[in-house]
Amino acid sequence: MPLMPVTDAMFLLGETREHPLHVGGLQLFTPPDGAGPDHVGELFRALLADGRVAPLFRRRPRAPVGSLGQLMWTDDDELDLEYHVRLSALPAPGRVRELLELVSRLHGSLLDRHRPLWESHLIEGLRDNRFAVYTKVHHALLDGVSALRLLQDTLTADSDERDMPPPWAPRPARARTARDRPGLSSIARDVLGLGPAVARWVNQAWREQAGTLPFEAPKSMFNVPITGARRFAAQGWPLDRVRAVGEAAGATVNDVMLAMCAGALRRYLLELDALPDRPLVAAVPMSLRAGDGDNGGNALGLILTTLATDLPEPADRLAAIIASTRLGKAAYQGMSRLQVTALSAIPFAPLAVALLPGAVRLTPPAFNLMISNVPGPAEPLYWNGARMSGVYPVSVPYEGQALNITVTSYAGSLEFGLTGCRRSVPHLQRLLTYLDAELTALEEQVL
């Protein structure tokens, strides 16, 4: 097989024991009516008996001679499905707490590079009779958005559908349209326009966003060297509550989500006597409308936004976040997808610098943490009759970025997944309590 793209190879070449680079997801399911006590065991055995595995999930990395360190993908023709698909049971009393502890341990271990880079764990023993599925896939194979789309393709809105294929089974290929294949003239125009676009972006950033430029963030307890062990915490909140605050304040759901995170982080850091005097800065991947011949489509851009953690009042923090995210989006106005993607690499590039020995201790952080919001399915989904009652992203902390917050929406709920370095972020679950308190405080001040 050919050499893998640099974008894939960088996640493998940059991985160490202290820096696992896989993404994951945790789903909770309620068994269908009439399911017996061995429902999860039966499901597990059926998955192993199916045997269908898509080419993507047969890939394993290989380092060919003379490739200057770049890797290539090769197919595993002897894939051991029993290694990749596992059945686990929670210890008593089978609370969500025990489930999150298990996911924390599973997420901290490296994937075996001698095998295809994925694992799926069916977990039974929850005391409310639900079961869970935790899956992790190397970032070289899938990113978080692609993984969520794959999950949606696996499930169905029909609660009566049975005999569904495993998540790793082949799917019908989607036809590419002309819009998916930009012409050479369009690419050339984007590249030629990149210089002026960079100049505009830098000028506006210096003029209006000096506080959220790369390396302007304060040093915090999250911006330290990390270990490979992980903590994971997760919880969902009704999306209607978040939307109501947004409508009253003239904010987006994403703005309110950021304000919840900002207030929770402020409470957490105050409790640990570790709140910086200057406001924390978050890197936020956002869907940005791109003009310039892009037919009004969406592009994914990375902006830096203040979290206004220096302000004591929740409503004031929300107002500051609204202003900051609007300025960040405005900087990309009129740019094509290629230009937005290229410029978004500027605030993200310092993460590579952090991998150099001593860099985290010697340089200020490019930003304090990454907070992502990935839209998910709006309607309830089912897997072989079992209703998915929750879906939580399990993401990647980077060197110098000990905490990652990733959020997705599902069936009227906003689902938070918090992933942190086990050594650097103590009592991570307290952030869930503070997120709840912040949403309540925003309701009291804004509604």
Protein backbone atom coordinates (compact mmCIF):
# COMPACT_ATOMS: atom_id res chain seq x y z
CA MET A 1 0.00 0.00 0.00
CA PRO A 2 1.17 3.63 -0.53
CA LEU A 3 2.69 5.87 2.12
CA MET A 4 0.04 7.23 4.45
CA PRO A 5 -0.78 10.96 4.26
CA VAL A 6 1.29 13.21 6.50
CA THR A 7 -1.90 14.16 8.37
CA ASP A 8 -2.28 10.50 9.39
CA ALA A 9 1.39 9.86 10.02
CA MET A 10 1.82 12.83 12.37
CA PHE A 11 -0.53 11.25 14.93
CA LEU A 12 1.51 8.04 14.92
CA LEU A 13 4.94 9.67 14.86
CA GLY A 14 3.99 12.04 17.70
CA GLU A 15 2.55 9.35 19.97
CA THR A 16 4.38 8.21 23.11
CA ARG A 17 3.38 6.40 26.28
CA GLU A 18 2.75 9.80 27.90
CA HIS A 19 0.75 11.00 24.90
CA PRO A 20 -1.76 8.42 23.62
CA LEU A 21 -3.37 9.83 20.48
CA HIS A 22 -6.62 7.93 20.13
CA VAL A 23 -10.16 9.31 20.31
CA GLY A 24 -13.03 7.47 21.93
CA GLY A 25 -16.71 7.47 22.66
CA LEU A 26 -18.98 6.12 25.39
CA GLN A 27 -22.58 5.19 24.61
CA LEU A 28 -25.23 4.09 27.08
CA PHE A 29 -28.05 1.78 25.93
CA THR A 30 -31.35 0.66 27.43
CA PRO A 31 -32.15 -2.94 26.40
CA PRO A 32 -35.36 -3.56 24.43
CA ASP A 33 -38.49 -4.81 26.16
CA GLY A 34 -38.31 -8.53 26.82
CA ALA A 35 -34.50 -8.67 26.80
CA GLY A 36 -33.22 -11.50 28.97
CA PRO A 37 -30.50 -11.37 31.64
CA ASP A 38 -27.87 -12.48 29.09
CA HIS A 39 -28.81 -9.84 26.50
CA VAL A 40 -25.33 -8.26 26.41
CA GLY A 41 -23.63 -11.66 26.26
CA GLU A 42 -25.84 -12.69 23.34
CA LEU A 43 -25.09 -9.42 21.58
CA PHE A 44 -21.35 -9.93 22.13
CA ARG A 45 -21.39 -13.44 20.69
CA ALA A 46 -23.42 -12.27 17.68
CA LEU A 47 -20.86 -9.54 16.95
CA LEU A 48 -18.01 -12.03 16.99
CA ALA A 49 -19.92 -14.48 14.80
CA ASP A 50 -20.63 -11.85 12.13
CA GLY A 51 -17.02 -11.55 11.02
CA ARG A 52 -17.48 -8.63 8.59
CA VAL A 53 -14.79 -5.95 8.95
CA ALA A 54 -14.44 -2.90 6.71
CA PRO A 55 -11.03 -2.15 5.14
CA LEU A 56 -10.64 0.89 7.39
CA PHE A 57 -10.71 -1.36 10.46
CA ARG A 58 -8.22 -3.82 8.95
CA ARG A 59 -5.49 -1.19 8.56
CA ARG A 60 -2.37 -1.38 10.66
CA PRO A 61 0.72 0.82 10.43
CA ARG A 62 4.02 -0.27 8.96
CA ALA A 63 7.36 1.56 8.63
CA PRO A 64 8.90 0.78 5.22
CA VAL A 65 12.64 0.98 4.68
CA GLY A 66 13.83 4.33 3.34
CA SER A 67 10.63 6.24 4.09
CA LEU A 68 12.38 8.85 6.30
CA GLY A 69 10.21 7.81 9.22
CA GLN A 70 6.90 8.16 7.42
CA LEU A 71 4.56 5.23 7.82
CA MET A 72 2.32 3.34 5.46
CA TRP A 73 -0.91 1.43 5.96
CA THR A 74 -1.04 -2.30 5.37
CA ASP A 75 -4.00 -4.69 5.67
CA ASP A 76 -4.18 -7.23 8.49
CA ASP A 77 -5.36 -10.39 6.75
CA GLU A 78 -5.45 -12.35 10.02
CA LEU A 79 -7.45 -9.93 12.14
CA ASP A 80 -8.33 -11.39 15.54
CA LEU A 81 -11.82 -10.03 16.19
CA GLU A 82 -11.87 -11.44 19.74
CA TYR A 83 -8.91 -9.18 20.56
CA HIS A 84 -10.62 -6.03 19.29
CA VAL A 85 -14.13 -6.71 20.63
CA ARG A 86 -14.28 -7.39 24.37
CA LEU A 87 -16.92 -8.02 27.02
CA SER A 88 -16.49 -6.52 30.49
CA ALA A 89 -18.64 -6.36 33.63
CA LEU A 90 -18.66 -3.58 36.21
CA PRO A 91 -18.01 -4.34 39.87
CA ALA A 92 -20.87 -3.83 42.34
CA PRO A 93 -22.73 -1.60 42.87
CA GLY A 94 -22.56 -0.85 39.13
CA ARG A 95 -22.99 2.90 39.34
CA VAL A 96 -22.05 5.37 36.62
CA ARG A 97 -19.06 6.15 38.83
CA GLU A 98 -17.69 2.62 38.33
CA LEU A 99 -18.35 2.90 34.60
CA LEU A 100 -16.39 6.16 34.31
CA GLU A 101 -13.50 4.67 36.31
CA LEU A 102 -13.33 1.74 33.89
CA VAL A 103 -13.43 4.04 30.85
CA SER A 104 -10.68 6.18 32.41
CA ARG A 105 -8.39 3.14 32.66
CA LEU A 106 -9.22 1.87 29.19
CA HIS A 107 -8.65 5.27 27.61
CA GLY A 108 -5.17 5.60 29.14
CA SER A 109 -3.67 2.50 27.49
CA LEU A 110 -1.98 2.59 24.09
CA LEU A 111 -3.39 0.71 21.13
CA ASP A 112 -1.25 -2.18 19.87
CA ARG A 113 0.50 -1.06 16.68
CA HIS A 114 0.97 -4.67 15.55
CA ARG A 115 -2.81 -4.82 15.07
CA PRO A 116 -5.45 -2.55 13.53
CA LEU A 117 -5.74 0.50 15.77
CA TRP A 118 -9.15 0.13 17.42
CA GLU A 119 -10.97 -1.58 20.30
CA SER A 120 -14.65 -1.88 21.23
CA HIS A 121 -15.73 -2.84 24.76
CA LEU A 122 -19.26 -3.99 25.64
CA ILE A 123 -19.83 -3.29 29.34
CA GLU A 124 -22.59 -4.88 31.40
CA GLY A 125 -23.42 -4.72 35.11
CA LEU A 126 -24.93 -1.22 35.39
CA ARG A 127 -27.42 -1.39 38.22
CA ASP A 128 -30.23 0.29 36.22
CA ASN A 129 -30.06 -2.62 33.72
CA ARG A 130 -28.49 -0.46 31.01
CA PHE A 131 -25.29 -1.46 29.23
CA ALA A 132 -22.50 0.61 27.73
CA VAL A 133 -20.19 0.53 24.74
CA TYR A 134 -16.78 2.20 24.91
CA THR A 135 -14.85 2.37 21.62
CA LYS A 136 -11.46 3.89 20.92
CA VAL A 137 -9.88 4.46 17.52
CA HIS A 138 -6.49 5.95 16.75
CA HIS A 139 -6.59 9.54 15.56
CA ALA A 140 -4.60 8.42 12.50
CA LEU A 141 -7.69 6.45 11.38
CA LEU A 142 -10.54 8.75 12.40
CA ASP A 143 -11.11 12.16 13.95
CA GLY A 144 -13.93 12.89 16.37
CA VAL A 145 -16.34 14.20 13.74
CA SER A 146 -15.80 11.18 11.48
CA ALA A 147 -16.24 8.83 14.42
CA LEU A 148 -19.58 10.43 15.34
CA ARG A 149 -20.78 10.15 11.73
CA LEU A 150 -19.77 6.50 11.68
CA LEU A 151 -21.75 5.94 14.88
CA GLN A 152 -24.84 7.53 13.35
CA ASP A 153 -24.51 5.30 10.28
CA THR A 154 -24.40 2.28 12.59
CA LEU A 155 -27.66 3.09 14.40
CA THR A 156 -31.26 3.45 13.27
CA ALA A 157 -34.34 5.46 14.22
CA ASP A 158 -36.43 2.24 13.93
CA SER A 159 -36.73 0.61 17.35
CA ASP A 160 -37.98 -2.62 15.75
CA GLU A 161 -34.99 -3.17 13.44
CA ARG A 162 -32.83 -6.16 14.33
CA ASP A 163 -29.85 -8.06 12.83
CA MET A 164 -27.98 -4.78 12.31
CA PRO A 165 -24.36 -4.95 11.12
CA PRO A 166 -21.52 -4.33 13.58
CA PRO A 167 -20.11 -0.78 13.72
CA TRP A 168 -16.90 -2.01 12.05
CA ALA A 169 -18.69 -3.76 9.16
CA PRO A 170 -18.45 -2.38 5.59
CA ARG A 171 -20.90 0.36 4.61
CA PRO A 172 -22.20 1.23 1.14
CA ALA A 173 -19.87 3.75 -0.48
CA ARG A 174 -21.22 7.28 -0.76
CA ALA A 175 -21.03 8.82 -4.21
CA ARG A 176 -18.81 11.89 -4.44
CA THR A 177 -20.38 14.87 -6.14
CA ALA A 178 -18.72 17.60 -8.16
CA ARG A 179 -18.99 19.85 -5.12
CA ASP A 180 -16.84 17.39 -3.16
CA ARG A 181 -14.09 17.61 -5.80
CA PRO A 182 -12.81 21.17 -6.09
CA GLY A 183 -11.22 21.96 -9.45
CA LEU A 184 -7.59 22.92 -9.91
CA SER A 185 -8.52 26.49 -10.76
CA SER A 186 -10.44 26.81 -7.49
CA ILE A 187 -7.51 25.41 -5.49
CA ALA A 188 -5.06 27.71 -7.26
CA ARG A 189 -7.26 30.73 -6.54
CA ASP A 190 -7.43 29.76 -2.86
CA VAL A 191 -3.66 29.38 -2.60
CA LEU A 192 -3.00 32.71 -4.33
CA GLY A 193 -5.45 34.39 -1.98
CA LEU A 194 -3.89 32.86 1.13
CA GLY A 195 -1.26 35.62 1.52
CA PRO A 196 -3.78 38.49 1.64
CA ALA A 197 -6.05 36.36 3.85
CA VAL A 198 -3.22 35.83 6.35
CA ALA A 199 -2.47 39.56 6.34
CA ARG A 200 -6.13 40.42 7.05
CA TRP A 201 -6.36 37.77 9.76
CA VAL A 202 -3.20 38.94 11.54
CA ASN A 203 -4.19 42.61 11.28
CA GLN A 204 -7.63 42.02 12.75
CA ALA A 205 -6.27 39.73 15.45
CA TRP A 206 -3.75 42.33 16.62
CA ARG A 207 -6.27 45.15 16.39
CA GLU A 208 -9.29 43.54 18.07
CA GLN A 209 -8.21 40.28 19.72
CA ALA A 210 -4.83 40.97 21.30
CA GLY A 211 -5.90 39.11 24.43
CA THR A 212 -6.60 35.89 22.54
CA LEU A 213 -3.57 35.66 20.27
CA PRO A 214 -1.47 32.48 20.48
CA PHE A 215 0.87 32.57 23.51
CA GLU A 216 -1.11 35.39 25.18
CA ALA A 217 -2.94 32.97 27.50
CA PRO A 218 -1.89 32.91 31.18
CA LYS A 219 -0.01 29.94 32.60
CA SER A 220 -2.44 27.63 34.41
CA MET A 221 -2.41 24.27 36.18
CA PHE A 222 -3.59 22.68 32.92
CA ASN A 223 -0.53 23.83 30.95
CA VAL A 224 1.99 21.33 32.28
CA PRO A 225 3.69 18.14 31.06
CA ILE A 226 1.22 15.24 31.19
CA THR A 227 1.28 11.50 31.76
CA GLY A 228 -0.52 8.79 29.82
CA ALA A 229 -3.05 7.93 32.56
CA ARG A 230 -6.50 9.48 32.16
CA ARG A 231 -9.55 10.60 34.11
CA PHE A 232 -12.92 10.79 32.39
CA ALA A 233 -16.17 12.37 33.55
CA ALA A 234 -19.43 12.77 31.63
CA GLN A 235 -22.94 14.14 32.04
CA GLY A 236 -25.75 15.61 29.92
CA TRP A 237 -28.06 18.61 30.34
CA PRO A 238 -31.37 19.38 28.59
CA LEU A 239 -30.70 21.30 25.40
CA ASP A 240 -33.90 23.33 25.92
CA ARG A 241 -32.40 24.90 29.05
CA VAL A 242 -29.25 25.90 27.17
CA ARG A 243 -31.24 27.27 24.21
CA ALA A 244 -33.48 29.33 26.51
CA VAL A 245 -30.45 31.08 28.02
CA GLY A 246 -29.03 31.67 24.54
CA GLU A 247 -32.24 33.16 23.18
CA ALA A 248 -32.55 35.52 26.15
CA ALA A 249 -28.93 36.66 25.89
CA GLY A 250 -28.62 36.78 22.09
CA ALA A 251 -26.12 33.93 22.24
CA THR A 252 -25.62 30.66 20.39
CA VAL A 253 -25.80 27.26 22.07
CA ASN A 254 -22.03 27.13 21.66
CA ASP A 255 -21.63 30.46 23.53
CA VAL A 256 -23.75 29.23 26.45
CA MET A 257 -21.82 25.94 26.52
CA LEU A 258 -18.56 27.91 26.70
CA ALA A 259 -19.98 30.06 29.50
CA MET A 260 -20.91 26.92 31.44
CA CYS A 261 -17.35 25.65 31.02
CA ALA A 262 -15.88 29.04 31.96
CA GLY A 263 -17.84 29.27 35.18
CA ALA A 264 -17.14 25.66 36.10
CA LEU A 265 -13.41 26.16 35.52
CA ARG A 266 -13.42 29.36 37.59
CA ARG A 267 -15.07 27.55 40.54
CA TYR A 268 -12.71 24.58 40.19
CA LEU A 269 -9.56 26.72 40.06
CA LEU A 270 -10.70 28.94 42.94
CA GLU A 271 -11.24 25.84 45.05
CA LEU A 272 -7.65 24.76 44.32
CA ASP A 273 -6.31 28.33 44.79
CA ALA A 274 -5.05 28.15 41.19
CA LEU A 275 -7.09 30.75 39.28
CA PRO A 276 -4.83 32.99 37.13
CA ASP A 277 -5.36 36.75 37.33
CA ARG A 278 -5.83 36.94 33.56
CA PRO A 279 -8.73 35.11 31.86
CA LEU A 280 -8.27 31.61 30.51
CA VAL A 281 -8.25 31.25 26.73
CA ALA A 282 -9.89 28.31 24.94
CA ALA A 283 -9.21 26.96 21.47
CA VAL A 284 -12.62 26.32 19.93
CA PRO A 285 -13.19 24.48 16.63
CA MET A 286 -16.25 26.13 15.10
CA SER A 287 -18.37 25.72 11.99
CA LEU A 288 -17.74 28.85 9.94
CA ARG A 289 -19.75 29.90 6.91
CA ALA A 290 -17.35 30.39 4.01
CA GLY A 291 -18.10 32.53 1.01
CA ASP A 292 -15.72 33.11 -1.86
CA GLY A 293 -17.19 30.60 -4.25
CA ASP A 294 -17.94 28.08 -1.54
CA ASN A 295 -21.69 28.08 -2.26
CA GLY A 296 -22.51 29.08 1.30
CA GLY A 297 -21.10 25.83 2.69
CA ASN A 298 -19.55 25.34 6.09
CA ALA A 299 -15.87 25.22 6.95
CA LEU A 300 -14.25 24.15 10.19
CA GLY A 301 -12.14 26.89 11.73
CA LEU A 302 -10.21 27.06 14.98
CA ILE A 303 -10.58 30.29 16.93
CA LEU A 304 -9.21 31.42 20.27
CA THR A 305 -11.80 32.87 22.65
CA THR A 306 -11.64 34.32 26.12
CA LEU A 307 -13.41 32.42 28.88
CA ALA A 308 -13.56 35.60 30.99
CA THR A 309 -12.66 33.66 34.13
CA ASP A 310 -11.52 36.93 35.73
CA LEU A 311 -15.16 38.09 35.89
CA PRO A 312 -17.19 36.93 38.91
CA GLU A 313 -20.70 37.21 37.40
CA PRO A 314 -21.98 34.48 35.01
CA ALA A 315 -23.93 36.96 32.83
CA ASP A 316 -20.83 39.15 32.39
CA ARG A 317 -18.75 36.11 31.41
CA LEU A 318 -21.36 35.10 28.83
CA ALA A 319 -21.39 38.62 27.34
CA ALA A 320 -17.59 38.62 27.04
CA ILE A 321 -17.63 35.18 25.39
CA ILE A 322 -20.31 36.27 22.89
CA ALA A 323 -18.20 39.27 21.86
CA SER A 324 -15.02 37.17 21.60
CA THR A 325 -16.53 34.37 19.49
CA ARG A 326 -18.15 36.90 17.13
CA LEU A 327 -14.79 38.59 16.54
CA GLY A 328 -13.16 35.22 15.99
CA LYS A 329 -15.73 34.21 13.38
CA ALA A 330 -15.57 37.61 11.70
CA ALA A 331 -11.84 37.15 11.09
CA TYR A 332 -12.65 34.29 8.69
CA GLN A 333 -15.44 36.04 6.78
CA GLY A 334 -15.16 35.80 3.01
CA MET A 335 -12.54 33.05 3.03
CA SER A 336 -12.72 29.68 1.30
CA ARG A 337 -12.54 26.37 3.13
CA LEU A 338 -8.89 25.89 2.17
CA GLN A 339 -7.98 29.34 3.49
CA VAL A 340 -9.93 28.82 6.72
CA THR A 341 -8.22 25.46 7.27
CA ALA A 342 -4.76 26.91 6.60
CA LEU A 343 -5.27 29.87 8.94
CA SER A 344 -6.75 27.64 11.65
CA ALA A 345 -3.39 25.85 11.79
CA ILE A 346 -1.77 29.01 13.18
CA PRO A 347 -3.24 28.77 16.70
CA PHE A 348 -3.02 24.95 16.61
CA ALA A 349 0.64 24.70 15.51
CA PRO A 350 2.10 25.47 18.97
CA LEU A 351 0.93 22.05 20.18
CA ALA A 352 3.73 20.58 18.06
CA VAL A 353 6.22 22.91 19.77
CA ALA A 354 5.08 21.55 23.15
CA LEU A 355 6.47 18.10 22.23
CA LEU A 356 10.04 19.48 22.30
CA PRO A 357 11.85 18.67 25.57
CA GLY A 358 11.33 21.42 28.13
CA ALA A 359 9.10 23.53 25.86
CA VAL A 360 6.03 23.39 28.11
CA ARG A 361 7.98 24.70 31.10
CA LEU A 362 9.88 27.38 29.18
CA THR A 363 7.19 28.87 26.91
CA PRO A 364 3.77 30.39 27.67
CA PRO A 365 0.82 28.28 26.54
CA ALA A 366 -0.69 28.94 23.11
CA PHE A 367 -4.06 28.55 24.86
CA ASN A 368 -5.21 26.94 28.10
CA LEU A 369 -7.46 24.14 26.86
CA MET A 370 -9.48 22.98 23.88
CA ILE A 371 -13.29 22.98 24.03
CA SER A 372 -15.11 21.36 21.10
CA ASN A 373 -18.80 21.07 20.24
CA VAL A 374 -19.66 18.38 17.69
CA PRO A 375 -23.36 18.36 16.63
CA GLY A 376 -24.96 14.95 16.96
CA PRO A 377 -28.26 13.27 15.99
CA ALA A 378 -31.44 15.10 16.98
CA GLU A 379 -33.68 12.01 17.26
CA PRO A 380 -33.38 8.91 19.46
CA LEU A 381 -31.39 6.10 17.85
CA TYR A 382 -31.41 2.34 18.40
CA TRP A 383 -29.00 -0.55 18.07
CA ASN A 384 -30.73 -3.91 17.60
CA GLY A 385 -33.70 -2.62 19.56
CA ALA A 386 -31.68 -1.09 22.39
CA ARG A 387 -32.27 2.65 22.77
CA MET A 388 -29.14 4.81 22.99
CA SER A 389 -29.76 6.89 26.11
CA GLY A 390 -26.50 8.83 26.09
CA VAL A 391 -23.40 9.46 23.97
CA TYR A 392 -20.27 11.05 25.42
CA PRO A 393 -17.04 11.98 23.60
CA VAL A 394 -13.75 10.77 25.12
CA SER A 395 -11.05 12.96 23.66
CA VAL A 396 -7.28 13.63 23.64
CA PRO A 397 -5.36 15.77 26.14
CA TYR A 398 -2.10 17.00 24.57
CA GLU A 399 1.26 17.82 26.09
CA GLY A 400 0.82 21.12 27.90
CA GLN A 401 -2.97 20.72 27.62
CA ALA A 402 -3.95 18.50 30.55
CA LEU A 403 -7.72 18.95 30.10
CA ASN A 404 -9.97 18.56 27.07
CA ILE A 405 -13.71 19.25 27.02
CA THR A 406 -15.71 17.86 24.11
CA VAL A 407 -19.48 18.23 23.83
CA THR A 408 -22.05 16.70 21.51
CA SER A 409 -25.81 17.02 21.19
CA TYR A 410 -28.15 14.05 21.12
CA ALA A 411 -31.95 13.76 21.21
CA GLY A 412 -32.55 16.99 23.15
CA SER A 413 -29.52 16.72 25.44
CA LEU A 414 -26.14 18.43 25.50
CA GLU A 415 -23.63 15.70 26.43
CA PHE A 416 -20.31 16.74 28.02
CA GLY A 417 -17.21 14.54 27.98
CA LEU A 418 -14.27 15.74 30.13
CA THR A 419 -10.92 14.00 29.60
CA GLY A 420 -7.92 14.92 31.72
CA CYS A 421 -4.45 13.81 32.73
CA ARG A 422 -4.91 11.72 35.87
CA ARG A 423 -1.96 13.30 37.69
CA SER A 424 -2.48 16.92 36.67
CA VAL A 425 -6.28 17.29 36.97
CA PRO A 426 -7.44 16.02 40.39
CA HIS A 427 -11.11 15.54 41.27
CA LEU A 428 -12.16 15.95 37.65
CA GLN A 429 -15.72 14.86 38.45
CA ARG A 430 -16.25 18.06 40.48
CA LEU A 431 -16.36 19.97 37.22
CA LEU A 432 -19.67 18.22 36.48
CA THR A 433 -21.18 19.68 39.66
CA TYR A 434 -19.87 23.10 38.73
CA LEU A 435 -21.22 22.85 35.18
CA ASP A 436 -24.68 22.23 36.63
CA ALA A 437 -24.30 25.13 39.05
CA GLU A 438 -23.25 27.46 36.24
CA LEU A 439 -26.22 26.62 34.05
CA THR A 440 -28.52 27.33 36.99
CA ALA A 441 -26.72 30.61 37.70
CA LEU A 442 -27.02 31.68 34.06
CA GLU A 443 -30.75 30.93 34.14
CA GLU A 444 -31.15 33.03 37.27
CA GLN A 445 -29.29 36.03 35.83
CA VAL A 446 -30.36 35.94 32.18
CA LEU A 447 -33.93 34.59 32.07
